[in-house]
Amino acid sequence: MPPPIVLLTNPMEAGVEQALSLQFELRHAPATDADTLRAMARDAQYIVVRAPLPGDLFAAAPALRGVVRHGAGLDMIPVDKASDQGVAVANVPAVNARSVAEYAMGQMLSLARQLPEMEDLLRAGQWNAPRAAAEHLPDLHGKTVAIVGLGAIGRALAGMCSAGFGMRVLGVRRSTATAGDPIPCTSLAEALRQADFLVLACPLTDATRHLVDADALAHAKRGLFIVNVARGAVIDTPALIAALESGQVAGAALDVFETQPLPCASRLRELPRVRLTPHLAGITRDSMQRMSASVAEQLLQMQAGHLPRHLCNPEAESAIRAHWARLGS
């Protein structure tokens, strides 16, 4: 009997792939456009997701048993379409949270101290100019950071900011704060009035789409620094560009964008004091190994007939079990 097929939209950690290849046939997608993924999923039993899946993929992949997000966010997977077909959806929550938090912390330091700009001046032969400019730049200690989203990433970052740098931390989240929570929470509007730094670490939902818009930015403390490790659409991009150009926002570090890859013509590429990275905040050697290992564990669980550890569509359990039974497991 041939081994089950696992479609990888993008590679996983090499050692984990090697171990999985002993029990599965791994197929790497040569591209991540909808047509390619739809065609390659036709015979697959599982998909490891690091690129958006088209909604009609599931109806066209009758052998598909489960998809596992190589990461935490589910916006790349049309979960309702998977549930309709009895396909299990799993993710890998929290394992790269500290990696993302470290990235955000590093970008806060970079923005505050203008480290790339200082290096550029030095490399251009200037010594005194960057030293003089540094006299006008802030410490992080004693400043206020507002963190939108207090999941694993937000809480890891809050600890770094508070315990590591002596910053005042304000949380902004959808749910009501619990008694004894060490992170004081407030509304976004109130947080923006006080914050020197705004870090976005929330999921993209209907409620958070363009959460940071022109009105929010207009009422923020002038000179705000923004770090976005959430999703690009949490910020209204034209509003951010306008706020950067006016100086209302002093700088921004963006790892995610409303359109990915970031278009070559984007104004963001031209603005000073804007840090741009291609959705890599959670990607390190260590986090990749952890994420890949958790993905592999859940593939093996499903192949053994068990629901994955981090099932994300438990409401579809009956449909999943019925679909698996039809497939002969």
Protein backbone atom coordinates (compact mmCIF):
# COMPACT_ATOMS: atom_id res chain seq x y z
CA MET A 1 0.00 0.00 0.00
CA PRO A 2 1.52 3.37 -0.99
CA PRO A 3 2.36 5.78 1.82
CA PRO A 4 -0.01 8.70 2.46
CA ILE A 5 0.84 11.90 0.62
CA VAL A 6 1.70 15.09 2.49
CA LEU A 7 1.73 18.27 0.43
CA LEU A 8 4.09 20.93 1.78
CA THR A 9 3.27 24.42 0.54
CA ASN A 10 6.76 25.40 1.77
CA PRO A 11 9.62 23.40 3.28
CA MET A 12 9.79 22.36 6.92
CA GLU A 13 12.89 21.83 9.05
CA ALA A 14 15.12 19.36 7.20
CA GLY A 15 15.53 16.83 10.00
CA VAL A 16 11.79 16.63 10.58
CA GLU A 17 11.16 16.21 6.86
CA GLN A 18 13.66 13.37 6.76
CA ALA A 19 11.96 11.61 9.67
CA LEU A 20 8.49 12.05 8.15
CA SER A 21 9.63 10.67 4.81
CA LEU A 22 9.96 7.26 6.44
CA GLN A 23 6.16 7.08 6.79
CA PHE A 24 4.79 9.59 4.26
CA GLU A 25 5.41 10.64 0.70
CA LEU A 26 6.33 14.31 0.94
CA ARG A 27 5.55 16.50 -2.05
CA HIS A 28 6.83 20.07 -2.20
CA ALA A 29 4.69 22.58 -4.06
CA PRO A 30 6.80 24.22 -6.80
CA ALA A 31 4.75 27.42 -6.37
CA THR A 32 2.11 28.68 -3.96
CA ASP A 33 -0.45 30.17 -6.35
CA ALA A 34 -4.00 28.88 -6.07
CA ASP A 35 -3.92 26.83 -9.28
CA THR A 36 -0.75 24.99 -8.29
CA LEU A 37 -1.92 24.20 -4.77
CA ARG A 38 -5.34 23.11 -6.00
CA ALA A 39 -3.79 20.72 -8.54
CA MET A 40 -1.24 19.26 -6.13
CA ALA A 41 -3.79 18.75 -3.36
CA ARG A 42 -5.96 16.52 -5.53
CA ASP A 43 -4.35 13.26 -4.33
CA ALA A 44 -3.02 14.41 -0.96
CA GLN A 45 -4.12 13.09 2.40
CA TYR A 46 -2.56 15.98 4.34
CA ILE A 47 -1.34 19.51 3.70
CA VAL A 48 1.20 21.45 5.75
CA VAL A 49 0.23 25.10 5.34
CA ARG A 50 2.60 28.03 5.10
CA ALA A 51 0.80 29.76 2.20
CA PRO A 52 -2.88 30.67 1.67
CA LEU A 53 -5.12 27.84 0.52
CA PRO A 54 -7.92 28.58 -1.99
CA GLY A 55 -11.39 27.94 -0.62
CA ASP A 56 -12.36 25.55 -3.41
CA LEU A 57 -9.34 23.30 -2.78
CA PHE A 58 -11.16 21.14 -0.25
CA ALA A 59 -14.05 20.10 -2.48
CA ALA A 60 -11.52 19.12 -5.17
CA ALA A 61 -9.35 16.99 -2.82
CA PRO A 62 -11.50 13.98 -1.89
CA ALA A 63 -8.70 12.08 -0.14
CA LEU A 64 -7.76 14.98 2.12
CA ARG A 65 -7.95 14.14 5.83
CA GLY A 66 -6.30 17.07 7.53
CA VAL A 67 -4.37 20.30 7.12
CA VAL A 68 -1.88 21.58 9.67
CA ARG A 69 -0.84 25.21 9.84
CA HIS A 70 2.91 25.51 10.30
CA GLY A 71 2.33 28.35 12.74
CA ALA A 72 -0.55 29.72 14.77
CA GLY A 73 -2.62 32.05 12.58
CA LEU A 74 -5.48 30.47 10.65
CA ASP A 75 -6.12 33.25 8.16
CA MET A 76 -4.37 31.18 5.47
CA ILE A 77 -6.94 28.39 5.82
CA PRO A 78 -10.66 28.72 4.96
CA VAL A 79 -11.64 26.70 8.02
CA ASP A 80 -15.36 26.68 7.20
CA LYS A 81 -14.69 25.09 3.80
CA ALA A 82 -12.49 22.45 5.40
CA SER A 83 -15.16 21.67 7.99
CA ASP A 84 -17.80 21.32 5.26
CA GLN A 85 -15.69 18.53 3.72
CA GLY A 86 -14.89 16.82 7.03
CA VAL A 87 -11.23 17.87 6.95
CA ALA A 88 -9.47 18.39 10.28
CA VAL A 89 -7.70 21.72 10.72
CA ALA A 90 -4.85 22.00 13.22
CA ASN A 91 -2.23 24.58 14.06
CA VAL A 92 0.89 24.96 16.15
CA PRO A 93 0.07 27.56 18.78
CA ALA A 94 2.56 29.50 20.87
CA VAL A 95 5.77 27.68 19.91
CA ASN A 96 7.20 30.70 18.09
CA ALA A 97 5.72 33.28 20.45
CA ARG A 98 9.01 34.13 22.10
CA SER A 99 10.74 34.41 18.74
CA VAL A 100 8.13 36.95 17.59
CA ALA A 101 8.38 38.82 20.90
CA GLU A 102 12.17 39.00 20.58
CA TYR A 103 11.77 40.42 17.07
CA ALA A 104 9.35 43.08 18.33
CA MET A 105 11.71 43.98 21.17
CA GLY A 106 14.61 44.30 18.76
CA GLN A 107 12.62 46.56 16.45
CA MET A 108 11.60 48.78 19.35
CA LEU A 109 15.28 49.27 20.15
CA SER A 110 16.11 49.84 16.50
CA LEU A 111 13.42 52.49 16.10
CA ALA A 112 14.18 54.30 19.34
CA ARG A 113 17.94 54.43 18.83
CA GLN A 114 17.83 54.68 15.01
CA LEU A 115 20.48 52.00 14.77
CA PRO A 116 20.41 51.40 10.98
CA GLU A 117 20.55 55.15 10.33
CA MET A 118 23.51 55.53 12.70
CA GLU A 119 25.37 52.73 10.97
CA ASP A 120 24.67 54.22 7.54
CA LEU A 121 26.16 57.54 8.64
CA LEU A 122 29.24 55.84 10.05
CA ARG A 123 29.74 53.80 6.89
CA ALA A 124 29.47 57.03 4.90
CA GLY A 125 32.48 58.36 6.79
CA GLN A 126 30.69 60.40 9.44
CA TRP A 127 31.63 60.09 13.09
CA ASN A 128 30.42 63.18 14.91
CA ALA A 129 27.01 63.53 13.20
CA PRO A 130 25.53 60.25 14.52
CA ARG A 131 26.96 60.93 17.98
CA ALA A 132 25.27 64.34 18.01
CA ALA A 133 21.99 62.87 16.78
CA ALA A 134 22.08 60.20 19.50
CA GLU A 135 21.81 62.92 22.14
CA HIS A 136 18.20 63.46 21.07
CA LEU A 137 17.10 59.81 21.08
CA PRO A 138 15.20 58.11 23.92
CA ASP A 139 15.84 55.17 26.21
CA LEU A 140 13.18 52.49 26.43
CA HIS A 141 13.31 52.59 30.22
CA GLY A 142 10.36 54.47 31.66
CA LYS A 143 8.46 54.65 28.37
CA THR A 144 4.94 53.27 27.84
CA VAL A 145 4.25 50.42 25.45
CA ALA A 146 0.72 49.47 24.45
CA ILE A 147 0.37 45.86 23.31
CA VAL A 148 -2.73 44.96 21.32
CA GLY A 149 -3.37 41.26 21.85
CA LEU A 150 -2.36 39.48 25.03
CA GLY A 151 -1.94 35.98 23.76
CA ALA A 152 1.34 34.11 24.01
CA ILE A 153 3.22 36.71 21.94
CA GLY A 154 1.81 39.72 23.75
CA ARG A 155 2.48 38.29 27.18
CA ALA A 156 6.02 37.23 26.31
CA LEU A 157 6.70 40.75 25.03
CA ALA A 158 5.09 42.34 28.09
CA GLY A 159 7.50 40.42 30.32
CA MET A 160 10.50 41.54 28.28
CA CYS A 161 9.39 45.17 28.30
CA SER A 162 8.50 45.31 31.99
CA ALA A 163 11.12 43.11 33.65
CA GLY A 164 13.88 43.58 31.10
CA PHE A 165 13.61 47.28 30.27
CA GLY A 166 11.57 48.84 33.04
CA MET A 167 8.83 49.96 30.66
CA ARG A 168 5.22 50.64 31.61
CA VAL A 169 2.97 48.13 29.83
CA LEU A 170 -0.66 48.67 28.84
CA GLY A 171 -2.69 45.86 27.33
CA VAL A 172 -5.49 46.13 24.79
CA ARG A 173 -7.58 43.04 24.24
CA ARG A 174 -11.08 41.96 23.33
CA SER A 175 -11.83 39.87 26.43
CA THR A 176 -12.44 41.26 29.89
CA ALA A 177 -9.37 41.37 32.13
CA THR A 178 -9.29 38.73 34.86
CA ALA A 179 -8.72 39.53 38.51
CA GLY A 180 -5.07 39.53 39.42
CA ASP A 181 -3.83 39.96 35.84
CA PRO A 182 -0.48 41.79 36.15
CA ILE A 183 -1.01 43.62 32.85
CA PRO A 184 -3.40 46.57 33.17
CA CYS A 185 -5.79 46.75 30.21
CA THR A 186 -7.51 49.72 28.64
CA SER A 187 -9.17 50.75 25.40
CA LEU A 188 -7.11 51.31 22.28
CA ALA A 189 -8.01 54.99 22.27
CA GLU A 190 -6.85 55.48 25.85
CA ALA A 191 -3.70 53.41 25.27
CA LEU A 192 -2.78 55.49 22.21
CA ARG A 193 -3.07 58.71 24.19
CA GLN A 194 -0.37 57.44 26.55
CA ALA A 195 1.81 55.12 24.48
CA ASP A 196 5.29 55.82 23.18
CA PHE A 197 5.25 52.45 21.43
CA LEU A 198 2.35 50.46 19.96
CA VAL A 199 2.88 46.77 19.25
CA LEU A 200 0.20 44.88 17.34
CA ALA A 201 0.12 41.17 18.18
CA CYS A 202 -3.56 40.32 17.70
CA PRO A 203 -5.35 38.00 15.26
CA LEU A 204 -6.92 39.46 12.13
CA THR A 205 -10.71 39.37 12.52
CA ASP A 206 -13.59 41.52 11.36
CA ALA A 207 -13.17 43.47 14.61
CA THR A 208 -9.43 44.10 14.16
CA ARG A 209 -9.34 44.84 10.42
CA HIS A 210 -8.10 48.45 10.10
CA LEU A 211 -8.20 48.73 13.88
CA VAL A 212 -5.44 51.31 13.58
CA ASP A 213 -6.96 53.80 11.18
CA ALA A 214 -6.62 57.51 10.49
CA ASP A 215 -8.80 58.49 13.44
CA ALA A 216 -6.88 56.30 15.88
CA LEU A 217 -3.56 57.66 14.69
CA ALA A 218 -4.75 61.26 14.77
CA HIS A 219 -5.57 60.92 18.47
CA ALA A 220 -2.37 59.07 19.38
CA LYS A 221 0.50 60.65 21.27
CA ARG A 222 2.66 62.45 18.72
CA GLY A 223 5.92 60.69 17.97
CA LEU A 224 4.47 57.19 18.42
CA PHE A 225 6.51 54.20 17.23
CA ILE A 226 4.55 51.25 15.80
CA VAL A 227 5.60 47.60 15.49
CA ASN A 228 3.26 45.23 13.64
CA VAL A 229 3.75 41.48 14.10
CA ALA A 230 0.04 40.72 13.73
CA ARG A 231 -1.36 40.92 10.20
CA GLY A 232 -0.97 43.74 7.71
CA ALA A 233 -4.66 44.56 7.52
CA VAL A 234 -4.81 45.42 11.23
CA ILE A 235 -3.39 48.79 10.08
CA ASP A 236 -4.98 51.01 7.45
CA THR A 237 -1.87 51.37 5.28
CA PRO A 238 -2.68 54.74 3.62
CA ALA A 239 -3.47 56.16 7.07
CA LEU A 240 -0.15 54.91 8.41
CA ILE A 241 1.75 56.39 5.47
CA ALA A 242 0.08 59.75 6.00
CA ALA A 243 0.90 59.67 9.72
CA LEU A 244 4.53 58.82 8.99
CA GLU A 245 4.81 61.61 6.45
CA SER A 246 3.35 64.16 8.89
CA GLY A 247 5.52 63.04 11.80
CA GLN A 248 2.52 62.00 13.91
CA VAL A 249 4.07 58.54 13.82
CA ALA A 250 7.84 58.76 14.30
CA GLY A 251 8.66 55.34 12.88
CA ALA A 252 7.29 51.90 12.17
CA ALA A 253 8.57 48.34 11.97
CA LEU A 254 6.35 46.20 9.75
CA ASP A 255 6.74 42.46 9.34
CA VAL A 256 3.34 42.01 7.69
CA PHE A 257 1.46 43.88 4.98
CA GLU A 258 -2.03 44.15 3.56
CA THR A 259 -0.68 42.80 0.26
CA GLN A 260 2.03 40.16 0.46
CA PRO A 261 4.62 40.16 -0.98
CA LEU A 262 4.93 43.91 -0.46
CA PRO A 263 4.49 45.55 -3.88
CA CYS A 264 7.64 47.09 -5.33
CA ALA A 265 5.79 50.37 -5.82
CA SER A 266 4.70 50.63 -2.19
CA ARG A 267 5.35 54.04 -0.65
CA LEU A 268 6.44 52.21 2.51
CA ARG A 269 9.68 51.24 0.75
CA GLU A 270 10.64 54.90 0.34
CA LEU A 271 9.89 56.32 3.79
CA PRO A 272 12.67 56.93 6.31
CA ARG A 273 12.53 55.33 9.75
CA VAL A 274 10.42 52.44 8.45
CA ARG A 275 11.74 48.92 9.03
CA LEU A 276 10.44 46.32 6.57
CA THR A 277 10.82 42.55 6.85
CA PRO A 278 9.05 39.80 4.83
CA HIS A 279 6.85 38.12 7.48
CA LEU A 280 9.78 36.50 9.28
CA ALA A 281 9.30 37.59 12.90
CA GLY A 282 8.55 34.03 13.99
CA ILE A 283 11.16 32.34 11.81
CA THR A 284 14.38 31.30 13.50
CA ARG A 285 16.32 28.06 13.43
CA ASP A 286 14.95 27.15 16.85
CA SER A 287 11.34 28.09 16.18
CA MET A 288 11.31 26.26 12.84
CA GLN A 289 12.44 23.09 14.55
CA ARG A 290 9.76 23.42 17.23
CA MET A 291 6.99 24.18 14.75
CA SER A 292 7.98 21.41 12.37
CA ALA A 293 8.17 18.89 15.21
CA SER A 294 4.66 19.80 16.37
CA VAL A 295 3.33 19.55 12.81
CA ALA A 296 4.88 16.10 12.44
CA GLU A 297 3.40 14.96 15.74
CA GLN A 298 -0.08 15.91 14.60
CA LEU A 299 0.30 14.31 11.17
CA LEU A 300 1.22 11.06 12.90
CA GLN A 301 -1.74 11.40 15.25
CA MET A 302 -4.16 11.78 12.36
CA GLN A 303 -2.61 8.94 10.40
CA ALA A 304 -3.14 6.74 13.48
CA GLY A 305 -6.82 7.68 13.46
CA HIS A 306 -6.71 10.26 16.27
CA LEU A 307 -7.75 13.86 16.17
CA PRO A 308 -4.74 16.21 16.20
CA ARG A 309 -3.61 17.70 19.50
CA HIS A 310 -4.43 21.25 18.42
CA LEU A 311 -7.66 20.70 16.50
CA CYS A 312 -9.01 24.09 15.43
CA ASN A 313 -12.45 23.03 14.15
CA PRO A 314 -13.80 20.81 16.96
CA GLU A 315 -17.35 21.77 15.96
CA ALA A 316 -16.79 19.62 12.86
CA GLU A 317 -15.65 16.51 14.78
CA SER A 318 -18.64 14.41 13.70
CA ALA A 319 -18.11 15.34 10.04
CA ILE A 320 -14.37 14.66 10.35
CA ARG A 321 -14.89 11.21 11.83
CA ALA A 322 -17.51 10.36 9.21
CA HIS A 323 -15.21 11.50 6.39
CA TRP A 324 -12.28 9.51 7.81
CA ALA A 325 -14.50 6.44 8.08
CA ARG A 326 -15.41 6.74 4.40
CA LEU A 327 -11.72 6.93 3.59
CA GLY A 328 -11.15 3.69 5.44
CA SER A 329 -9.62 4.72 8.77
